[in-house]
Amino acid sequence: MSLDNCSGCGKLVLKKPGHLFCPSCMAAQSESLWKIKDYILRHPLATILDIHRDTGVSLKAIQDFIKDQRVQYR
């Protein structure tokens, strides 16, 4: 295994296949993803700005989740 920087915080971590984040950032990503999915289920007509404002998840993170198809949006 080699060392790499976490894509979220830049902390030095052991590089593992399929893992771009350190454990702390992975937990934060998982929490953000859960918040977004839950919000969309309760508010199916919400805009991305609504999701951002009401969940506190950054616009970039929401857009990345949509781009990576981890969230189904409309």
PDB file of N, CA and C in Angstrom:
ATOM      1  N   MET A   1       0.835  -1.182   0.000  1.00  0.00           N
ATOM      2  CA  MET A   1       0.000   0.000   0.000  1.00  0.00           C
ATOM      3  C   MET A   1       0.878   1.242   0.000  1.00  0.00           C
ATOM      4  N   SER A   2       0.321   2.295  -0.573  1.00  0.00           N
ATOM      5  CA  SER A   2       1.063   3.543  -0.621  1.00  0.00           C
ATOM      6  C   SER A   2       0.290   4.637   0.122  1.00  0.00           C
ATOM      7  N   LEU A   3       0.945   5.753   0.296  1.00  0.00           N
ATOM      8  CA  LEU A   3       0.315   6.884   0.978  1.00  0.00           C
ATOM      9  C   LEU A   3      -0.275   7.844  -0.051  1.00  0.00           C
ATOM     10  N   ASP A   4      -1.343   8.486   0.328  1.00  0.00           N
ATOM     11  CA  ASP A   4      -1.995   9.463  -0.538  1.00  0.00           C
ATOM     12  C   ASP A   4      -2.667  10.497   0.354  1.00  0.00           C
ATOM     13  N   ASN A   5      -3.074  11.597  -0.228  1.00  0.00           N
ATOM     14  CA  ASN A   5      -3.791  12.615   0.524  1.00  0.00           C
ATOM     15  C   ASN A   5      -5.289  12.419   0.370  1.00  0.00           C
ATOM     16  N   CYS A   6      -6.016  12.634   1.453  1.00  0.00           N
ATOM     17  CA  CYS A   6      -7.470  12.561   1.456  1.00  0.00           C
ATOM     18  C   CYS A   6      -8.004  13.638   0.516  1.00  0.00           C
ATOM     19  N   SER A   7      -8.967  13.284  -0.321  1.00  0.00           N
ATOM     20  CA  SER A   7      -9.559  14.247  -1.253  1.00  0.00           C
ATOM     21  C   SER A   7     -10.418  15.283  -0.539  1.00  0.00           C
ATOM     22  N   GLY A   8     -10.814  14.993   0.687  1.00  0.00           N
ATOM     23  CA  GLY A   8     -11.652  15.924   1.425  1.00  0.00           C
ATOM     24  C   GLY A   8     -10.873  16.927   2.245  1.00  0.00           C
ATOM     25  N   CYS A   9      -9.950  16.430   3.070  1.00  0.00           N
ATOM     26  CA  CYS A   9      -9.253  17.314   4.017  1.00  0.00           C
ATOM     27  C   CYS A   9      -7.759  17.438   3.742  1.00  0.00           C
ATOM     28  N   GLY A  10      -7.227  16.574   2.896  1.00  0.00           N
ATOM     29  CA  GLY A  10      -5.811  16.641   2.568  1.00  0.00           C
ATOM     30  C   GLY A  10      -4.905  15.878   3.512  1.00  0.00           C
ATOM     31  N   LYS A  11      -5.492  15.246   4.545  1.00  0.00           N
ATOM     32  CA  LYS A  11      -4.703  14.487   5.513  1.00  0.00           C
ATOM     33  C   LYS A  11      -4.058  13.281   4.816  1.00  0.00           C
ATOM     34  N   LEU A  12      -2.884  12.909   5.241  1.00  0.00           N
ATOM     35  CA  LEU A  12      -2.161  11.773   4.687  1.00  0.00           C
ATOM     36  C   LEU A  12      -2.795  10.466   5.171  1.00  0.00           C
ATOM     37  N   VAL A  13      -3.155   9.583   4.226  1.00  0.00           N
ATOM     38  CA  VAL A  13      -3.801   8.307   4.557  1.00  0.00           C
ATOM     39  C   VAL A  13      -3.207   7.189   3.701  1.00  0.00           C
ATOM     40  N   LEU A  14      -3.408   5.962   4.161  1.00  0.00           N
ATOM     41  CA  LEU A  14      -3.023   4.813   3.343  1.00  0.00           C
ATOM     42  C   LEU A  14      -3.984   4.705   2.163  1.00  0.00           C
ATOM     43  N   LYS A  15      -3.443   4.582   0.975  1.00  0.00           N
ATOM     44  CA  LYS A  15      -4.260   4.509  -0.227  1.00  0.00           C
ATOM     45  C   LYS A  15      -4.858   3.103  -0.349  1.00  0.00           C
ATOM     46  N   LYS A  16      -6.190   3.057  -0.464  1.00  0.00           N
ATOM     47  CA  LYS A  16      -6.901   1.792  -0.637  1.00  0.00           C
ATOM     48  C   LYS A  16      -7.727   1.892  -1.905  1.00  0.00           C
ATOM     49  N   PRO A  17      -7.851   0.809  -2.651  1.00  0.00           N
ATOM     50  CA  PRO A  17      -8.648   0.858  -3.879  1.00  0.00           C
ATOM     51  C   PRO A  17     -10.084   1.303  -3.604  1.00  0.00           C
ATOM     52  N   GLY A  18     -10.536   2.291  -4.361  1.00  0.00           N
ATOM     53  CA  GLY A  18     -11.905   2.766  -4.230  1.00  0.00           C
ATOM     54  C   GLY A  18     -12.141   3.742  -3.092  1.00  0.00           C
ATOM     55  N   HIS A  19     -11.115   4.063  -2.314  1.00  0.00           N
ATOM     56  CA  HIS A  19     -11.261   4.986  -1.191  1.00  0.00           C
ATOM     57  C   HIS A  19     -10.462   6.254  -1.473  1.00  0.00           C
ATOM     58  N   LEU A  20     -11.172   7.368  -1.616  1.00  0.00           N
ATOM     59  CA  LEU A  20     -10.515   8.638  -1.875  1.00  0.00           C
ATOM     60  C   LEU A  20     -10.416   9.498  -0.622  1.00  0.00           C
ATOM     61  N   PHE A  21     -11.117   9.079   0.447  1.00  0.00           N
ATOM     62  CA  PHE A  21     -11.229   9.901   1.643  1.00  0.00           C
ATOM     63  C   PHE A  21     -10.708   9.158   2.874  1.00  0.00           C
ATOM     64  N   CYS A  22     -10.311   9.943   3.880  1.00  0.00           N
ATOM     65  CA  CYS A  22      -9.928   9.373   5.172  1.00  0.00           C
ATOM     66  C   CYS A  22     -11.204   8.919   5.889  1.00  0.00           C
ATOM     67  N   PRO A  23     -11.097   8.120   6.931  1.00  0.00           N
ATOM     68  CA  PRO A  23     -12.302   7.648   7.634  1.00  0.00           C
ATOM     69  C   PRO A  23     -13.218   8.781   8.120  1.00  0.00           C
ATOM     70  N   SER A  24     -12.641   9.874   8.601  1.00  0.00           N
ATOM     71  CA  SER A  24     -13.461  11.001   9.077  1.00  0.00           C
ATOM     72  C   SER A  24     -14.262  11.621   7.935  1.00  0.00           C
ATOM     73  N   CYS A  25     -13.613  11.840   6.810  1.00  0.00           N
ATOM     74  CA  CYS A  25     -14.295  12.438   5.662  1.00  0.00           C
ATOM     75  C   CYS A  25     -15.307  11.468   5.056  1.00  0.00           C
ATOM     76  N   MET A  26     -15.001  10.175   5.090  1.00  0.00           N
ATOM     77  CA  MET A  26     -15.962   9.183   4.593  1.00  0.00           C
ATOM     78  C   MET A  26     -17.233   9.198   5.439  1.00  0.00           C
ATOM     79  N   ALA A  27     -17.080   9.320   6.754  1.00  0.00           N
ATOM     80  CA  ALA A  27     -18.239   9.381   7.642  1.00  0.00           C
ATOM     81  C   ALA A  27     -19.047  10.647   7.369  1.00  0.00           C
ATOM     82  N   ALA A  28     -18.364  11.767   7.157  1.00  0.00           N
ATOM     83  CA  ALA A  28     -19.051  13.026   6.857  1.00  0.00           C
ATOM     84  C   ALA A  28     -19.772  12.932   5.518  1.00  0.00           C
ATOM     85  N   GLN A  29     -19.145  12.309   4.532  1.00  0.00           N
ATOM     86  CA  GLN A  29     -19.774  12.125   3.215  1.00  0.00           C
ATOM     87  C   GLN A  29     -21.019  11.257   3.339  1.00  0.00           C
ATOM     88  N   SER A  30     -20.914  10.201   4.102  1.00  0.00           N
ATOM     89  CA  SER A  30     -22.050   9.300   4.301  1.00  0.00           C
ATOM     90  C   SER A  30     -23.207  10.037   4.976  1.00  0.00           C
ATOM     91  N   GLU A  31     -22.913  10.842   5.974  1.00  0.00           N
ATOM     92  CA  GLU A  31     -23.937  11.624   6.669  1.00  0.00           C
ATOM     93  C   GLU A  31     -24.592  12.627   5.721  1.00  0.00           C
ATOM     94  N   SER A  32     -23.781  13.304   4.908  1.00  0.00           N
ATOM     95  CA  SER A  32     -24.315  14.269   3.945  1.00  0.00           C
ATOM     96  C   SER A  32     -25.208  13.579   2.928  1.00  0.00           C
ATOM     97  N   LEU A  33     -24.778  12.426   2.450  1.00  0.00           N
ATOM     98  CA  LEU A  33     -25.569  11.678   1.471  1.00  0.00           C
ATOM     99  C   LEU A  33     -26.903  11.263   2.070  1.00  0.00           C
ATOM    100  N   TRP A  34     -26.891  10.805   3.314  1.00  0.00           N
ATOM    101  CA  TRP A  34     -28.128  10.416   3.988  1.00  0.00           C
ATOM    102  C   TRP A  34     -29.063  11.610   4.122  1.00  0.00           C
ATOM    103  N   LYS A  35     -28.520  12.770   4.507  1.00  0.00           N
ATOM    104  CA  LYS A  35     -29.336  13.980   4.652  1.00  0.00           C
ATOM    105  C   LYS A  35     -30.001  14.355   3.329  1.00  0.00           C
ATOM    106  N   ILE A  36     -29.224  14.303   2.252  1.00  0.00           N
ATOM    107  CA  ILE A  36     -29.754  14.680   0.934  1.00  0.00           C
ATOM    108  C   ILE A  36     -30.861  13.720   0.507  1.00  0.00           C
ATOM    109  N   LYS A  37     -30.593  12.419   0.607  1.00  0.00           N
ATOM    110  CA  LYS A  37     -31.597  11.433   0.186  1.00  0.00           C
ATOM    111  C   LYS A  37     -32.874  11.556   1.002  1.00  0.00           C
ATOM    112  N   ASP A  38     -32.749  11.733   2.301  1.00  0.00           N
ATOM    113  CA  ASP A  38     -33.908  11.882   3.167  1.00  0.00           C
ATOM    114  C   ASP A  38     -34.693  13.143   2.802  1.00  0.00           C
ATOM    115  N   TYR A  39     -33.978  14.226   2.559  1.00  0.00           N
ATOM    116  CA  TYR A  39     -34.641  15.486   2.216  1.00  0.00           C
ATOM    117  C   TYR A  39     -35.402  15.354   0.894  1.00  0.00           C
ATOM    118  N   ILE A  40     -34.791  14.733  -0.101  1.00  0.00           N
ATOM    119  CA  ILE A  40     -35.441  14.577  -1.410  1.00  0.00           C
ATOM    120  C   ILE A  40     -36.679  13.687  -1.294  1.00  0.00           C
ATOM    121  N   LEU A  41     -36.614  12.662  -0.458  1.00  0.00           N
ATOM    122  CA  LEU A  41     -37.794  11.810  -0.265  1.00  0.00           C
ATOM    123  C   LEU A  41     -38.949  12.603   0.340  1.00  0.00           C
ATOM    124  N   ARG A  42     -38.641  13.488   1.269  1.00  0.00           N
ATOM    125  CA  ARG A  42     -39.686  14.277   1.926  1.00  0.00           C
ATOM    126  C   ARG A  42     -40.114  15.488   1.100  1.00  0.00           C
ATOM    127  N   HIS A  43     -39.238  15.980   0.212  1.00  0.00           N
ATOM    128  CA  HIS A  43     -39.513  17.171  -0.603  1.00  0.00           C
ATOM    129  C   HIS A  43     -39.125  16.883  -2.060  1.00  0.00           C
ATOM    130  N   PRO A  44     -39.905  16.084  -2.783  1.00  0.00           N
ATOM    131  CA  PRO A  44     -39.516  15.665  -4.133  1.00  0.00           C
ATOM    132  C   PRO A  44     -39.395  16.804  -5.149  1.00  0.00           C
ATOM    133  N   LEU A  45     -40.008  17.933  -4.908  1.00  0.00           N
ATOM    134  CA  LEU A  45     -39.935  19.050  -5.851  1.00  0.00           C
ATOM    135  C   LEU A  45     -38.892  20.100  -5.459  1.00  0.00           C
ATOM    136  N   ALA A  46     -38.071  19.797  -4.477  1.00  0.00           N
ATOM    137  CA  ALA A  46     -37.066  20.743  -3.990  1.00  0.00           C
ATOM    138  C   ALA A  46     -35.995  21.008  -5.049  1.00  0.00           C
ATOM    139  N   THR A  47     -35.503  22.231  -5.055  1.00  0.00           N
ATOM    140  CA  THR A  47     -34.380  22.577  -5.928  1.00  0.00           C
ATOM    141  C   THR A  47     -33.075  22.262  -5.200  1.00  0.00           C
ATOM    142  N   ILE A  48     -31.991  22.321  -5.934  1.00  0.00           N
ATOM    143  CA  ILE A  48     -30.682  22.087  -5.320  1.00  0.00           C
ATOM    144  C   ILE A  48     -30.409  23.145  -4.249  1.00  0.00           C
ATOM    145  N   LEU A  49     -30.834  24.371  -4.507  1.00  0.00           N
ATOM    146  CA  LEU A  49     -30.644  25.432  -3.507  1.00  0.00           C
ATOM    147  C   LEU A  49     -31.470  25.168  -2.249  1.00  0.00           C
ATOM    148  N   ASP A  50     -32.682  24.625  -2.406  1.00  0.00           N
ATOM    149  CA  ASP A  50     -33.494  24.253  -1.246  1.00  0.00           C
ATOM    150  C   ASP A  50     -32.777  23.191  -0.417  1.00  0.00           C
ATOM    151  N   ILE A  51     -32.248  22.193  -1.105  1.00  0.00           N
ATOM    152  CA  ILE A  51     -31.543  21.099  -0.425  1.00  0.00           C
ATOM    153  C   ILE A  51     -30.351  21.663   0.351  1.00  0.00           C
ATOM    154  N   HIS A  52     -29.582  22.511  -0.305  1.00  0.00           N
ATOM    155  CA  HIS A  52     -28.413  23.129   0.330  1.00  0.00           C
ATOM    156  C   HIS A  52     -28.820  23.939   1.557  1.00  0.00           C
ATOM    157  N   ARG A  53     -29.810  24.794   1.386  1.00  0.00           N
ATOM    158  CA  ARG A  53     -30.239  25.690   2.465  1.00  0.00           C
ATOM    159  C   ARG A  53     -30.769  24.905   3.665  1.00  0.00           C
ATOM    160  N   ASP A  54     -31.573  23.878   3.409  1.00  0.00           N
ATOM    161  CA  ASP A  54     -32.242  23.173   4.498  1.00  0.00           C
ATOM    162  C   ASP A  54     -31.425  22.051   5.134  1.00  0.00           C
ATOM    163  N   THR A  55     -30.431  21.519   4.418  1.00  0.00           N
ATOM    164  CA  THR A  55     -29.614  20.437   4.987  1.00  0.00           C
ATOM    165  C   THR A  55     -28.246  20.917   5.449  1.00  0.00           C
ATOM    166  N   GLY A  56     -27.761  22.028   4.902  1.00  0.00           N
ATOM    167  CA  GLY A  56     -26.431  22.510   5.239  1.00  0.00           C
ATOM    168  C   GLY A  56     -25.321  21.842   4.451  1.00  0.00           C
ATOM    169  N   VAL A  57     -25.683  20.960   3.532  1.00  0.00           N
ATOM    170  CA  VAL A  57     -24.686  20.284   2.691  1.00  0.00           C
ATOM    171  C   VAL A  57     -24.268  21.262   1.589  1.00  0.00           C
ATOM    172  N   SER A  58     -22.978  21.324   1.303  1.00  0.00           N
ATOM    173  CA  SER A  58     -22.478  22.282   0.317  1.00  0.00           C
ATOM    174  C   SER A  58     -23.050  21.999  -1.075  1.00  0.00           C
ATOM    175  N   LEU A  59     -23.164  23.072  -1.866  1.00  0.00           N
ATOM    176  CA  LEU A  59     -23.660  22.923  -3.239  1.00  0.00           C
ATOM    177  C   LEU A  59     -22.758  21.997  -4.042  1.00  0.00           C
ATOM    178  N   LYS A  60     -21.449  22.129  -3.851  1.00  0.00           N
ATOM    179  CA  LYS A  60     -20.509  21.269  -4.587  1.00  0.00           C
ATOM    180  C   LYS A  60     -20.727  19.799  -4.249  1.00  0.00           C
ATOM    181  N   ALA A  61     -20.921  19.498  -2.963  1.00  0.00           N
ATOM    182  CA  ALA A  61     -21.136  18.110  -2.561  1.00  0.00           C
ATOM    183  C   ALA A  61     -22.430  17.570  -3.178  1.00  0.00           C
ATOM    184  N   ILE A  62     -23.481  18.370  -3.178  1.00  0.00           N
ATOM    185  CA  ILE A  62     -24.751  17.942  -3.771  1.00  0.00           C
ATOM    186  C   ILE A  62     -24.568  17.681  -5.258  1.00  0.00           C
ATOM    187  N   GLN A  63     -23.902  18.598  -5.950  1.00  0.00           N
ATOM    188  CA  GLN A  63     -23.665  18.424  -7.385  1.00  0.00           C
ATOM    189  C   GLN A  63     -22.796  17.205  -7.666  1.00  0.00           C
ATOM    190  N   ASP A  64     -21.790  16.967  -6.826  1.00  0.00           N
ATOM    191  CA  ASP A  64     -20.930  15.790  -7.001  1.00  0.00           C
ATOM    192  C   ASP A  64     -21.719  14.495  -6.807  1.00  0.00           C
ATOM    193  N   PHE A  65     -22.595  14.449  -5.795  1.00  0.00           N
ATOM    194  CA  PHE A  65     -23.417  13.262  -5.575  1.00  0.00           C
ATOM    195  C   PHE A  65     -24.336  12.998  -6.766  1.00  0.00           C
ATOM    196  N   ILE A  66     -24.901  14.064  -7.333  1.00  0.00           N
ATOM    197  CA  ILE A  66     -25.773  13.915  -8.502  1.00  0.00           C
ATOM    198  C   ILE A  66     -24.958  13.454  -9.701  1.00  0.00           C
ATOM    199  N   LYS A  67     -23.791  14.084  -9.921  1.00  0.00           N
ATOM    200  CA  LYS A  67     -22.930  13.732 -11.050  1.00  0.00           C
ATOM    201  C   LYS A  67     -22.464  12.271 -10.964  1.00  0.00           C
ATOM    202  N   ASP A  68     -22.145  11.836  -9.752  1.00  0.00           N
ATOM    203  CA  ASP A  68     -21.668  10.461  -9.548  1.00  0.00           C
ATOM    204  C   ASP A  68     -22.825   9.467  -9.473  1.00  0.00           C
ATOM    205  N   GLN A  69     -24.042   9.955  -9.652  1.00  0.00           N
ATOM    206  CA  GLN A  69     -25.279   9.146  -9.624  1.00  0.00           C
ATOM    207  C   GLN A  69     -25.483   8.443  -8.290  1.00  0.00           C
ATOM    208  N   ARG A  70     -25.053   9.088  -7.212  1.00  0.00           N
ATOM    209  CA  ARG A  70     -25.296   8.551  -5.878  1.00  0.00           C
ATOM    210  C   ARG A  70     -26.615   9.054  -5.329  1.00  0.00           C
ATOM    211  N   VAL A  71     -27.146  10.105  -6.000  1.00  0.00           N
ATOM    212  CA  VAL A  71     -28.453  10.675  -5.646  1.00  0.00           C
ATOM    213  C   VAL A  71     -29.262  10.790  -6.929  1.00  0.00           C
ATOM    214  N   GLN A  72     -30.503  10.312  -6.894  1.00  0.00           N
ATOM    215  CA  GLN A  72     -31.413  10.481  -8.022  1.00  0.00           C
ATOM    216  C   GLN A  72     -32.156  11.778  -7.818  1.00  0.00           C
ATOM    217  N   TYR A  73     -31.932  12.727  -8.712  1.00  0.00           N
ATOM    218  CA  TYR A  73     -32.558  14.034  -8.604  1.00  0.00           C
ATOM    219  C   TYR A  73     -33.416  14.268  -9.825  1.00  0.00           C
ATOM    220  N   ARG A  74     -34.717  14.304  -9.593  1.00  0.00           N
ATOM    221  CA  ARG A  74     -35.740  14.506 -10.630  1.00  0.00           C
ATOM    222  C   ARG A  74     -35.525  13.591 -11.738  1.00  0.00           C
TER     223      ARG A  74
END
